[in-house]
Protein backbone atom coordinates (compact mmCIF):
# COMPACT_ATOMS: atom_id res chain seq x y z
CA MET A 1 -26.55 -3.04 6.93
CA ARG A 2 -23.65 -5.15 8.17
CA SER A 3 -22.62 -5.90 4.57
CA ILE A 4 -22.43 -2.18 3.84
CA ARG A 5 -20.16 -1.63 6.85
CA ILE A 6 -17.88 -4.49 5.82
CA LEU A 7 -17.75 -3.20 2.24
CA GLY A 8 -17.00 0.32 3.51
CA ALA A 9 -14.20 -0.98 5.75
CA LEU A 10 -12.75 -2.97 2.86
CA ILE A 11 -12.78 0.07 0.56
CA LEU A 12 -11.13 2.18 3.24
CA PHE A 13 -8.48 -0.48 3.81
CA LEU A 14 -7.71 -0.75 0.10
CA ALA A 15 -7.50 3.03 -0.22
CA PHE A 16 -4.50 2.94 2.10
CA VAL A 17 -2.87 -0.36 1.11
CA VAL A 18 -2.91 -0.09 -2.68
CA PRO A 19 -1.06 3.28 -2.87
CA ALA A 20 1.58 2.04 -0.41
CA TYR A 21 2.08 -1.08 -2.50
CA ALA A 22 2.27 1.00 -5.68
CA ASN A 23 4.87 3.28 -4.08
CA ASP A 24 6.96 0.29 -3.05
CA GLN A 25 6.77 -1.10 -6.58
CA ASP A 26 7.88 2.24 -8.01
CA GLY A 27 10.59 2.46 -5.37
CA ALA A 28 11.71 -1.10 -6.09
CA ASP A 29 12.01 -0.31 -9.80
CA LEU A 30 13.97 2.88 -9.11
CA PHE A 31 16.17 1.09 -6.58
CA LYS A 32 16.92 -1.62 -9.13
CA VAL A 33 17.99 0.93 -11.73
CA LYS A 34 19.87 3.39 -9.50
CA CYS A 35 21.08 1.46 -6.47
CA THR A 36 21.59 -2.26 -7.00
CA SER A 37 25.02 -1.94 -8.61
CA CYS A 38 26.38 -1.08 -5.14
CA HIS A 39 23.64 -2.04 -2.67
CA GLY A 40 22.51 -5.25 -4.38
CA ASP A 41 18.94 -6.43 -4.86
CA ASP A 42 18.59 -7.24 -1.16
CA GLY A 43 20.31 -4.12 0.21
CA LYS A 44 23.20 -6.15 1.64
CA GLY A 45 25.76 -4.85 -0.84
CA THR A 46 27.47 -6.22 -3.91
CA ALA A 47 31.18 -7.10 -3.95
CA ALA A 48 31.89 -3.68 -5.49
CA GLY A 49 29.63 -1.96 -2.99
CA LYS A 50 31.28 -3.69 -0.05
CA LYS A 51 34.68 -2.46 -1.28
CA LEU A 52 33.22 1.06 -1.23
CA GLY A 53 31.92 0.52 2.30
CA VAL A 54 28.19 0.67 1.57
CA PRO A 55 26.07 -0.06 4.63
CA VAL A 56 23.75 -3.04 4.86
CA LEU A 57 20.39 -1.36 4.41
CA SER A 58 18.56 -3.83 6.67
CA ASP A 59 20.82 -3.02 9.64
CA ASP A 60 19.22 -1.25 12.58
CA ALA A 61 21.71 1.62 12.23
CA ILE A 62 20.22 2.47 8.83
CA GLN A 63 16.62 1.60 9.61
CA ASP A 64 16.75 3.76 12.76
CA LEU A 65 17.55 6.84 10.64
CA SER A 66 14.64 9.19 10.01
CA ASP A 67 12.98 9.33 6.61
CA LYS A 68 14.29 12.89 6.29
CA ILE A 69 17.90 11.71 6.68
CA LEU A 70 17.41 8.86 4.22
CA ARG A 71 15.75 11.19 1.69
CA GLY A 72 18.69 13.57 2.10
CA ALA A 73 21.18 10.77 1.46
CA VAL A 74 19.39 9.78 -1.74
CA ALA A 75 18.99 13.37 -2.92
CA ASN A 76 22.40 14.75 -1.90
CA GLY A 77 24.58 11.66 -1.76
CA LYS A 78 26.60 10.47 1.21
CA HIS A 79 30.28 9.57 1.39
CA ARG A 80 30.94 7.85 -1.95
CA MET A 81 27.25 7.54 -2.86
CA PRO A 82 26.28 9.89 -5.68
CA ALA A 83 23.47 12.40 -5.39
CA PHE A 84 20.26 11.56 -7.22
CA GLY A 85 18.35 14.76 -6.45
CA ALA A 86 18.81 16.11 -9.98
CA GLU A 87 17.61 12.83 -11.53
CA LEU A 88 14.72 11.90 -9.25
CA SER A 89 11.65 13.84 -8.17
CA GLN A 90 10.85 14.23 -4.48
CA ASP A 91 8.09 11.63 -4.87
CA GLN A 92 10.52 9.19 -6.45
CA ILE A 93 13.00 9.74 -3.62
CA VAL A 94 10.22 9.01 -1.12
CA ASP A 95 9.41 5.83 -3.06
CA VAL A 96 13.06 4.71 -2.86
CA VAL A 97 13.08 5.33 0.91
CA ILE A 98 9.86 3.30 1.26
CA HIS A 99 11.59 0.47 -0.59
CA VAL A 100 14.68 0.75 1.62
CA ARG A 101 12.37 0.41 4.64
CA SER A 102 11.15 -2.92 3.19
CA PHE A 103 14.59 -4.43 3.85
CA TRP A 104 14.14 -4.22 7.61
CA THR A 105 13.27 -7.42 9.40
CA PRO A 106 12.39 -7.37 13.07
CA LYS A 107 14.79 -9.16 15.35
CA VAL A 108 13.35 -12.08 17.29
CA ALA A 109 14.08 -11.86 20.98
CA ALA A 110 16.11 -14.73 22.39
CA LYS A 111 14.21 -17.00 24.76
C-alpha cells in the first residue's frame, strides 16, 4: 500500500514538473532566437543591448514586475524593444516569460 502511495505522489509530482521544464525549454529556445541579440544568453545584455539601454533581466526591478506586464512587453514591445505579438502565440509569450523568470537569483542576506 505504501508503494502505491509513493508511486502516486511521484506521478503527481512529475505531472507538474515535466510541463514546467518543457515550457522553460521552449521559452529558452524562443529567447535565444528572438532576444539574445540584445539581452544576451544570460539576460544581462550584450554590448549592443547595453547601448540601447536594455535592462538586466535578473534585476529585482524586472523580476518584481507581474507576469502580465512582462507578457505585455514581449507582445507589444517596450521603449526600443520590438513587439513580438504578431510573431509569437500567447503560449509562446508565456514560455518566454517563464524563461525570463529563470534569470532571477535570490539575494543572500548579509550576516
